[in-house]
Protein backbone atom coordinates (compact mmCIF):
# COMPACT_ATOMS: atom_id res chain seq x y z
CA UNK A 1 18.32 -20.01 88.02
CA UNK A 2 20.23 -23.11 86.92
CA UNK A 3 23.02 -25.05 88.53
CA UNK A 4 25.98 -26.12 86.42
CA UNK A 5 28.63 -28.65 87.31
CA UNK A 6 32.18 -27.43 86.99
CA UNK A 7 35.43 -28.84 88.31
CA UNK A 8 36.29 -27.62 91.80
CA UNK A 9 39.47 -25.86 90.61
CA UNK A 10 37.43 -23.88 88.07
CA UNK A 11 34.85 -22.92 90.66
CA UNK A 12 37.67 -21.81 92.98
CA UNK A 13 39.22 -19.67 90.25
CA UNK A 14 35.87 -18.08 89.48
CA UNK A 15 35.20 -17.47 93.17
CA UNK A 16 38.61 -15.82 93.58
CA UNK A 17 37.88 -13.57 90.60
CA UNK A 18 34.47 -12.68 92.01
CA UNK A 19 36.02 -11.79 95.39
CA UNK A 20 38.69 -9.70 93.68
CA UNK A 21 36.04 -7.81 91.69
CA UNK A 22 33.67 -7.69 94.68
CA UNK A 23 30.87 -9.28 92.69
CA UNK A 24 28.92 -12.52 92.42
CA UNK A 25 30.01 -15.73 90.70
CA UNK A 26 27.39 -15.10 88.01
CA UNK A 27 28.65 -11.57 87.31
CA UNK A 28 32.27 -12.75 87.24
CA UNK A 29 31.35 -15.44 84.73
CA UNK A 30 29.33 -12.97 82.65
CA UNK A 31 32.22 -10.49 82.65
CA UNK A 32 34.67 -13.20 81.53
CA UNK A 33 32.36 -14.18 78.65
CA UNK A 34 31.83 -10.53 77.66
CA UNK A 35 35.58 -9.86 77.61
CA UNK A 36 36.22 -13.00 75.56
CA UNK A 37 33.53 -12.09 73.03
CA UNK A 38 34.87 -8.54 72.74
CA UNK A 39 38.43 -9.81 72.15
CA UNK A 40 37.13 -12.18 69.47
CA UNK A 41 35.20 -9.32 67.82
CA UNK A 42 38.23 -7.02 67.68
CA UNK A 43 40.46 -9.85 66.44
CA UNK A 44 37.97 -10.41 63.61
CA UNK A 45 38.06 -6.67 62.84
CA UNK A 46 41.88 -6.71 62.75
CA UNK A 47 41.88 -9.79 60.52
CA UNK A 48 39.37 -8.21 58.14
CA UNK A 49 41.29 -4.93 58.04
CA UNK A 50 44.53 -6.76 57.33
CA UNK A 51 42.98 -7.91 54.04
CA UNK A 52 44.47 -4.79 52.37
CA UNK A 53 43.99 -4.23 48.65
CA UNK A 54 42.43 -7.66 48.22
CA UNK A 55 39.46 -6.48 50.24
CA UNK A 56 36.85 -4.80 48.02
CA UNK A 57 36.08 -2.00 50.49
CA UNK A 58 39.78 -1.34 51.12
CA UNK A 59 40.34 -1.17 47.36
CA UNK A 60 37.70 1.54 47.04
CA UNK A 61 39.12 3.49 49.97
CA UNK A 62 42.69 3.26 48.68
CA UNK A 63 41.60 4.61 45.32
CA UNK A 64 39.91 7.72 46.69
CA UNK A 65 42.48 10.16 45.27
CA UNK A 66 43.76 11.47 48.59
CA UNK A 67 47.28 11.58 47.18
CA UNK A 68 46.18 14.09 44.50
CA UNK A 69 48.36 17.20 45.00
CA UNK A 70 45.68 19.29 43.34
CA UNK A 71 43.52 18.76 46.41
CA UNK A 72 46.15 20.51 48.56
CA UNK A 73 45.98 23.59 46.34
CA UNK A 74 42.25 23.94 46.99
CA UNK A 75 42.90 24.85 50.62
CA UNK A 76 45.74 27.27 49.87
CA UNK A 77 43.45 30.21 49.00
CA UNK A 78 41.14 29.77 51.96
CA UNK A 79 38.60 27.50 50.28
């Protein structure tokens, strides 16, 4: 275990969060880091997906022929 120095107001905020969640200071800090990392991950996913046609993978997916009306006819006879 290691001790870290943090400003008193930060320690108080963390302690209040830990009390609210009925957990330890360490778990409250770990949860805050986990949530931050997850938000950053999903923001990166959204940014990557917003690349649209300029993104090589998106270009392949957009050119998959799903708009081909002939495909709809294949299911019409029970295929």
